[in-house]
Amino acid sequence: MGGGERSQFREDEAGLTAVIEFLSAFTLFLMILTAFMSLAQLEMGSNDTEIDQVDQAVVAGLDRLTGGSGWFVPGDGDGGYVYSNSTTEWQLESAEVLQNGRVQTGLMADNQLDINRVSALSNVTLSSFSQGLGLDEGLTAFLRITVSSSEDAERVGIQLFEGGANINNARMASTASSTVRMGTELVLITLEVHDAGRTNENLLLTEVMVRPVSGGPEWIEVYNDNAFATSLLGWSFNTTSSSTSNEVLLQQGIISGHSVALFTGSLASLEQGNATQMFDLGQYGLLGVGSMNLLDDAAGTIELRFTRPGQINPVTNAQVEWGGDTGRILNLNHVLVWEEGAWSVQEDATPGDVSIGQSNAS
């Protein structure tokens, strides 16, 4: 073999090697690409399955709302249920009773929407409502009920109920609607199911009595700015002054939706008025009555706090301050009132009466 032939052979060999290396690299690239696409397809399939589950949940939940009257099974006090005392008239039970049992909030009676059942939704917590719809633990709901057709044109568009968990932070969501009859009117029921959580955190301090007259009790008024009821589990009061600090973590209790609760130093010494619930904080040494003055007359702070599930540190949800540099100086029997986004001192106390626009910020 001559030198030219050997040179040509080496060039052919080098070219063949380059082709083999290219094909090997290309094959490896295809293998990696195929694996990546397979993984992506697997993940896409998983997400599709989750979305399908939410779609199915909202359809099933709407059917439970519009397919019957619902039911309630009372609790037995030990974590179980008394099935023999179950009833379809769940709307007749109080918020406290409903909280301790299991409820499915069917809204129909005699094949039409029952306004009494709609009104009774305010006695059900969002968690109990979601559970009654059969939603998984990670899912929650938002419900809107609106008059869509009426002989009275002014009633068209009126919202009979609107409340639930805010959908803004949801990763996935689904919506279903159904039109039902209520007398001569047609009503649109819209249910949203999503995964943004079931926590309601919009209890507001609205009025505080620091210096009661004639041996009366100290008291705090709280408004539930949610359409659904709010459980007090996880909520706490903290009072501070220049000389003292006290905190009470609430372990039980419930406030109905868009309703007022009074927390007082003495249940016997305070009229309930229009408050739906009353709670005794005198037994915990937080609020006083008569000569037992536990809130500082001159200056102090009251905070309403909430500890989110799975967390340790509470978050201040509302607070009121008086005395010092606040300009809010309290004379005898004057009250602190939350009005138009600010605290002011007023002469006339109105425990149980709140003039505040209803909005749901759950």
Protein backbone atom coordinates (compact mmCIF):
# COMPACT_ATOMS: atom_id res chain seq x y z
CA MET A 1 0.00 0.00 0.00
CA GLY A 2 1.50 3.36 -1.02
CA GLY A 3 1.77 6.45 1.08
CA GLY A 4 -1.17 8.08 -0.68
CA GLU A 5 -3.40 5.09 -0.03
CA ARG A 6 -2.42 4.95 3.65
CA SER A 7 -3.16 8.67 3.99
CA GLN A 8 -6.56 8.21 2.34
CA PHE A 9 -7.32 5.26 4.69
CA ARG A 10 -6.46 7.32 7.76
CA GLU A 11 -8.73 10.12 6.57
CA ASP A 12 -11.58 7.67 5.95
CA GLU A 13 -11.02 6.12 9.39
CA ALA A 14 -11.05 9.53 11.07
CA GLY A 15 -14.23 10.47 9.24
CA LEU A 16 -15.90 7.22 10.25
CA THR A 17 -14.87 7.78 13.87
CA ALA A 18 -16.35 11.28 13.78
CA VAL A 19 -19.61 9.95 12.37
CA ILE A 20 -19.77 7.24 15.05
CA GLU A 21 -19.09 9.78 17.82
CA PHE A 22 -21.75 12.09 16.40
CA LEU A 23 -24.30 9.30 16.21
CA SER A 24 -23.45 8.19 19.75
CA ALA A 25 -23.86 11.71 21.08
CA PHE A 26 -27.09 12.18 19.14
CA THR A 27 -28.44 8.87 20.45
CA LEU A 28 -27.59 9.91 24.02
CA PHE A 29 -29.33 13.22 23.42
CA LEU A 30 -32.44 11.44 22.19
CA MET A 31 -32.41 9.17 25.24
CA ILE A 32 -32.19 12.14 27.59
CA LEU A 33 -34.89 14.01 25.66
CA THR A 34 -37.17 10.97 25.72
CA ALA A 35 -36.68 10.53 29.46
CA PHE A 36 -37.38 14.23 30.06
CA MET A 37 -40.53 14.17 27.95
CA SER A 38 -41.72 11.03 29.72
CA LEU A 39 -41.21 12.68 33.11
CA ALA A 40 -42.97 15.82 31.92
CA GLN A 41 -45.86 13.76 30.62
CA LEU A 42 -46.03 11.90 33.93
CA GLU A 43 -46.21 15.16 35.86
CA MET A 44 -48.79 16.56 33.45
CA GLY A 45 -50.89 13.49 33.90
CA SER A 46 -50.74 13.84 37.70
CA ASN A 47 -51.87 17.48 37.51
CA ASP A 48 -54.70 16.54 35.16
CA THR A 49 -55.83 13.92 37.65
CA GLU A 50 -55.89 16.48 40.46
CA ILE A 51 -57.89 18.90 38.35
CA ASP A 52 -60.31 16.13 37.43
CA GLN A 53 -60.78 15.41 41.13
CA VAL A 54 -61.60 19.07 41.82
CA ASP A 55 -64.05 19.10 38.90
CA GLN A 56 -65.75 16.00 40.27
CA ALA A 57 -65.78 17.45 43.80
CA VAL A 58 -67.54 20.68 42.77
CA VAL A 59 -70.21 18.80 40.81
CA ALA A 60 -70.83 16.39 43.69
CA GLY A 61 -70.85 19.26 46.20
CA LEU A 62 -73.38 21.26 44.20
CA ASP A 63 -75.57 18.17 43.95
CA ARG A 64 -75.51 17.83 47.75
CA LEU A 65 -76.60 21.46 48.10
CA THR A 66 -79.41 21.33 45.57
CA GLY A 67 -80.43 17.68 45.67
CA GLY A 68 -82.17 17.59 49.03
CA SER A 69 -82.78 19.02 52.49
CA GLY A 70 -79.51 17.88 54.05
CA TRP A 71 -79.09 16.31 57.47
CA PHE A 72 -77.48 16.71 60.89
CA VAL A 73 -76.04 14.08 63.23
CA PRO A 74 -75.35 15.39 66.77
CA GLY A 75 -72.11 14.62 68.55
CA ASP A 76 -71.96 12.47 71.66
CA GLY A 77 -69.38 14.62 73.46
CA ASP A 78 -66.60 12.04 73.07
CA GLY A 79 -65.79 12.49 69.40
CA GLY A 80 -68.54 10.16 68.19
CA TYR A 81 -72.05 10.71 66.87
CA VAL A 82 -75.57 9.89 68.05
CA TYR A 83 -77.04 8.58 64.81
CA SER A 84 -80.37 7.76 66.42
CA ASN A 85 -80.94 11.51 66.93
CA SER A 86 -80.10 12.53 63.37
CA THR A 87 -82.48 14.93 61.60
CA THR A 88 -83.07 16.57 58.24
CA GLU A 89 -84.06 19.82 59.98
CA TRP A 90 -80.46 20.94 60.46
CA GLN A 91 -81.43 24.59 60.00
CA LEU A 92 -83.19 24.56 63.38
CA GLU A 93 -80.00 23.81 65.33
CA SER A 94 -77.82 26.48 66.95
CA ALA A 95 -74.28 27.23 65.87
CA GLU A 96 -72.95 25.61 69.05
CA VAL A 97 -74.87 22.38 68.45
CA LEU A 98 -73.94 22.22 64.76
CA GLN A 99 -70.27 22.71 65.60
CA ASN A 100 -70.27 19.62 67.79
CA GLY A 101 -71.92 17.34 65.22
CA ARG A 102 -71.80 16.53 61.52
CA VAL A 103 -73.91 18.50 59.05
CA GLN A 104 -74.67 18.34 55.35
CA THR A 105 -76.20 21.66 54.36
CA GLY A 106 -78.82 20.67 51.78
CA LEU A 107 -80.73 23.82 50.82
CA MET A 108 -83.94 22.43 49.32
CA ALA A 109 -87.40 21.79 50.75
CA ASP A 110 -90.46 20.79 48.72
CA ASN A 111 -88.37 20.88 45.54
CA GLN A 112 -87.42 24.53 45.91
CA LEU A 113 -84.81 26.64 47.68
CA ASP A 114 -85.55 27.07 51.38
CA ILE A 115 -84.59 30.57 52.53
CA ASN A 116 -84.49 29.37 56.15
CA ARG A 117 -81.77 26.88 55.24
CA VAL A 118 -79.87 29.58 53.37
CA SER A 119 -80.03 31.83 56.45
CA ALA A 120 -78.89 28.95 58.66
CA LEU A 121 -75.61 28.70 56.73
CA SER A 122 -74.41 31.48 59.04
CA ASN A 123 -74.43 28.94 61.89
CA VAL A 124 -72.11 26.54 60.04
CA THR A 125 -68.33 26.93 59.92
CA LEU A 126 -66.58 26.81 56.57
CA SER A 127 -64.79 23.66 57.68
CA SER A 128 -68.07 21.89 58.55
CA PHE A 129 -69.66 23.13 55.33
CA SER A 130 -66.77 21.79 53.22
CA GLN A 131 -66.75 18.50 55.09
CA GLY A 132 -70.49 18.10 54.58
CA LEU A 133 -70.02 18.54 50.83
CA GLY A 134 -67.64 15.58 50.89
CA LEU A 135 -64.57 17.66 50.02
CA ASP A 136 -61.12 16.23 50.75
CA GLU A 137 -59.18 17.82 53.61
CA GLY A 138 -57.07 19.89 51.21
CA LEU A 139 -60.09 21.41 49.45
CA THR A 140 -62.43 24.19 50.49
CA ALA A 141 -65.35 26.13 49.04
CA PHE A 142 -66.84 29.50 48.19
CA LEU A 143 -70.62 29.79 47.82
CA ARG A 144 -72.69 32.49 46.15
CA ILE A 145 -76.51 32.48 46.00
CA THR A 146 -78.12 35.20 43.86
CA VAL A 147 -81.65 36.01 42.69
CA SER A 148 -81.49 35.75 38.89
CA SER A 149 -85.15 36.23 37.95
CA SER A 150 -88.04 37.84 39.80
CA GLU A 151 -91.34 39.58 39.16
CA ASP A 152 -89.87 42.36 41.30
CA ALA A 153 -87.10 43.81 39.14
CA GLU A 154 -85.42 45.34 42.19
CA ARG A 155 -84.75 41.87 43.60
CA VAL A 156 -82.81 40.69 40.55
CA GLY A 157 -79.13 40.49 41.50
CA ILE A 158 -79.74 40.43 45.25
CA GLN A 159 -77.26 38.13 46.97
CA LEU A 160 -78.93 35.83 49.46
CA PHE A 161 -75.56 34.46 50.57
CA GLU A 162 -71.91 34.97 49.68
CA GLY A 163 -69.06 33.52 51.65
CA GLY A 164 -66.24 31.05 51.94
CA ALA A 165 -62.52 30.90 51.38
CA ASN A 166 -60.82 33.44 49.13
CA ILE A 167 -59.84 31.85 45.83
CA ASN A 168 -56.94 34.24 45.14
CA ASN A 169 -54.26 31.93 46.57
CA ALA A 170 -55.65 28.76 45.00
CA ARG A 171 -53.43 26.54 42.84
CA MET A 172 -56.39 24.80 41.25
CA ALA A 173 -60.10 25.52 41.27
CA SER A 174 -63.36 24.56 39.62
CA THR A 175 -66.81 26.17 39.49
CA ALA A 176 -70.31 24.77 39.00
CA SER A 177 -73.70 26.51 38.98
CA SER A 178 -77.34 25.51 39.14
CA THR A 179 -80.57 27.48 38.85
CA VAL A 180 -83.35 26.53 41.28
CA ARG A 181 -86.82 27.82 42.04
CA MET A 182 -87.77 29.80 45.16
CA GLY A 183 -91.46 30.61 44.98
CA THR A 184 -91.96 32.61 41.78
CA GLU A 185 -88.28 33.53 41.59
CA LEU A 186 -85.29 31.79 40.06
CA VAL A 187 -82.09 31.67 42.09
CA LEU A 188 -78.58 30.94 40.83
CA ILE A 189 -76.39 28.86 43.16
CA THR A 190 -72.68 28.98 42.32
CA LEU A 191 -70.15 26.79 44.12
CA GLU A 192 -66.38 27.16 43.78
CA VAL A 193 -64.08 24.41 45.04
CA HIS A 194 -60.36 25.10 45.38
CA ASP A 195 -57.28 24.38 47.47
CA ALA A 196 -56.62 27.75 49.16
CA GLY A 197 -57.43 26.54 52.70
CA ARG A 198 -60.42 26.66 55.05
CA THR A 199 -59.26 29.26 57.55
CA ASN A 200 -61.46 32.29 58.33
CA GLU A 201 -59.45 35.08 59.91
CA ASN A 202 -61.62 38.16 59.93
CA LEU A 203 -62.92 38.73 63.43
CA LEU A 204 -62.99 42.44 64.25
CA LEU A 205 -62.85 44.36 67.51
CA THR A 206 -65.72 46.85 67.29
CA GLU A 207 -66.42 48.26 70.77
CA VAL A 208 -64.72 48.14 74.18
CA MET A 209 -65.90 49.17 77.65
CA VAL A 210 -62.89 49.93 79.87
CA ARG A 211 -64.47 52.06 82.64
CA PRO A 212 -68.00 50.78 83.40
CA VAL A 213 -70.30 52.63 85.78
CA SER A 214 -72.37 51.38 88.74
CA GLY A 215 -70.44 48.18 89.24
CA GLY A 216 -70.94 47.01 85.68
CA PRO A 217 -68.57 44.66 83.83
CA GLU A 218 -65.75 45.41 81.45
CA TRP A 219 -66.53 44.02 78.00
CA ILE A 220 -65.24 43.59 74.47
CA GLU A 221 -67.45 43.42 71.38
CA VAL A 222 -66.31 41.31 68.40
CA TYR A 223 -67.89 41.20 64.94
CA ASN A 224 -67.56 38.17 62.66
CA ASP A 225 -67.03 39.65 59.19
CA ASN A 226 -67.56 36.28 57.51
CA ALA A 227 -70.78 34.84 56.09
CA PHE A 228 -70.00 31.46 57.65
CA ALA A 229 -69.62 30.94 61.39
CA THR A 230 -66.12 31.16 62.87
CA SER A 231 -64.77 28.78 65.48
CA LEU A 232 -62.87 30.51 68.30
CA LEU A 233 -60.32 27.70 68.52
CA GLY A 234 -56.91 29.30 67.94
CA TRP A 235 -58.05 32.84 68.76
CA SER A 236 -56.71 34.74 71.78
CA PHE A 237 -56.99 38.06 73.60
CA ASN A 238 -53.93 39.91 74.88
CA THR A 239 -54.22 42.93 77.19
CA THR A 240 -51.26 45.10 78.16
CA SER A 241 -50.68 48.25 80.18
CA SER A 242 -47.69 49.91 81.80
CA SER A 243 -47.88 47.52 84.75
CA THR A 244 -49.59 44.31 83.58
CA SER A 245 -49.91 41.90 80.70
CA ASN A 246 -52.43 39.08 80.32
CA GLU A 247 -53.37 36.64 77.58
CA VAL A 248 -56.21 34.13 77.19
CA LEU A 249 -56.17 31.47 74.47
CA LEU A 250 -59.71 30.46 73.56
CA GLN A 251 -60.25 26.70 73.39
CA GLN A 252 -63.90 26.59 72.38
CA GLY A 253 -66.81 28.69 71.22
CA ILE A 254 -68.24 29.90 67.92
CA ILE A 255 -69.53 33.17 66.46
CA SER A 256 -72.26 33.02 63.82
CA GLY A 257 -71.64 34.61 60.44
CA HIS A 258 -72.07 38.40 60.18
CA SER A 259 -72.91 38.45 63.88
CA VAL A 260 -71.73 40.04 67.11
CA ALA A 261 -70.31 38.36 70.21
CA LEU A 262 -69.73 39.94 73.61
CA PHE A 263 -66.81 38.94 75.84
CA THR A 264 -67.43 40.18 79.36
CA GLY A 265 -66.22 40.11 82.93
CA SER A 266 -69.68 38.95 84.07
CA LEU A 267 -72.42 37.32 82.03
CA ALA A 268 -75.03 38.12 84.67
CA SER A 269 -74.24 41.85 84.67
CA LEU A 270 -74.42 42.55 80.92
CA GLU A 271 -77.48 42.52 78.69
CA GLN A 272 -77.05 40.47 75.54
CA GLY A 273 -78.89 42.90 73.28
CA ASN A 274 -78.47 41.90 69.62
CA ALA A 275 -75.37 39.80 70.25
CA THR A 276 -75.73 36.20 69.10
CA GLN A 277 -73.19 34.83 71.59
CA MET A 278 -71.73 35.85 74.96
CA PHE A 279 -68.56 34.59 76.63
CA ASP A 280 -67.26 34.95 80.19
CA LEU A 281 -63.64 36.14 80.35
CA GLY A 282 -63.91 37.05 84.02
CA GLN A 283 -63.18 33.44 84.93
CA TYR A 284 -59.79 33.79 83.20
CA GLY A 285 -58.88 37.05 84.92
CA LEU A 286 -58.88 39.05 81.68
CA LEU A 287 -61.93 41.27 82.24
CA GLY A 288 -63.29 42.52 85.54
CA VAL A 289 -66.60 43.56 87.07
CA GLY A 290 -67.52 46.03 89.79
CA SER A 291 -64.54 46.87 92.00
CA MET A 292 -62.38 44.30 90.21
CA ASN A 293 -60.81 46.54 87.59
CA LEU A 294 -58.61 44.44 85.27
CA LEU A 295 -58.27 46.86 82.34
CA ASP A 296 -56.13 49.93 82.98
CA ASP A 297 -58.33 53.04 83.00
CA ALA A 298 -55.55 55.41 81.97
CA ALA A 299 -53.80 53.61 79.12
CA GLY A 300 -53.64 50.16 77.60
CA THR A 301 -53.87 47.92 74.56
CA ILE A 302 -56.14 45.02 73.64
CA GLU A 303 -55.13 42.68 70.81
CA LEU A 304 -57.25 40.02 69.13
CA ARG A 305 -54.87 37.38 67.79
CA PHE A 306 -55.08 34.22 65.71
CA THR A 307 -52.65 31.30 65.62
CA ARG A 308 -52.82 29.57 62.25
CA PRO A 309 -52.91 25.75 62.19
CA GLY A 310 -49.43 24.27 62.29
CA GLN A 311 -47.85 27.50 63.56
CA ILE A 312 -46.73 28.62 67.01
CA ASN A 313 -46.67 32.41 66.92
CA PRO A 314 -50.02 34.23 66.85
CA VAL A 315 -50.78 37.00 64.35
CA THR A 316 -52.51 40.17 65.54
CA ASN A 317 -55.79 40.47 63.66
CA ALA A 318 -57.16 43.59 65.36
CA GLN A 319 -56.16 45.89 68.21
CA VAL A 320 -57.26 48.97 70.10
CA GLU A 321 -55.19 51.41 72.19
CA TRP A 322 -56.20 54.18 74.56
CA GLY A 323 -54.47 56.79 76.70
CA GLY A 324 -50.90 57.96 76.27
CA ASP A 325 -50.21 59.49 72.85
CA THR A 326 -53.35 58.07 71.23
CA GLY A 327 -55.53 61.03 72.17
CA ARG A 328 -58.24 58.60 73.26
CA ILE A 329 -58.93 59.51 76.90
CA LEU A 330 -61.70 57.57 78.61
CA ASN A 331 -64.04 59.07 81.17
CA LEU A 332 -66.37 56.95 83.26
CA ASN A 333 -68.75 54.84 81.13
CA HIS A 334 -67.23 56.02 77.84
CA VAL A 335 -66.52 53.41 75.18
CA LEU A 336 -64.02 52.88 72.40
CA VAL A 337 -65.81 52.36 69.08
CA TRP A 338 -64.43 51.19 65.73
CA GLU A 339 -66.11 53.31 63.09
CA GLU A 340 -65.19 54.13 59.49
CA GLY A 341 -61.76 52.57 59.80
CA ALA A 342 -60.67 54.30 63.01
CA TRP A 343 -61.14 54.16 66.79
CA SER A 344 -62.96 56.96 68.60
CA VAL A 345 -64.27 57.64 72.10
CA GLN A 346 -68.05 57.85 72.47
CA GLU A 347 -70.35 58.51 75.41
CA ASP A 348 -73.10 56.01 74.61
CA ALA A 349 -72.35 52.29 74.80
CA THR A 350 -74.18 49.97 72.39
CA PRO A 351 -73.14 46.41 73.27
CA GLY A 352 -74.37 43.96 70.63
CA ASP A 353 -75.13 46.62 67.99
CA VAL A 354 -72.65 47.03 65.15
CA SER A 355 -73.05 49.30 62.13
CA ILE A 356 -70.47 47.89 59.77
CA GLY A 357 -70.71 46.93 56.10
CA GLN A 358 -70.82 43.21 55.54
CA SER A 359 -67.98 41.83 53.45
CA ASN A 360 -66.30 38.44 53.33
CA ALA A 361 -62.53 38.46 53.63
CA SER A 362 -62.07 34.77 54.61
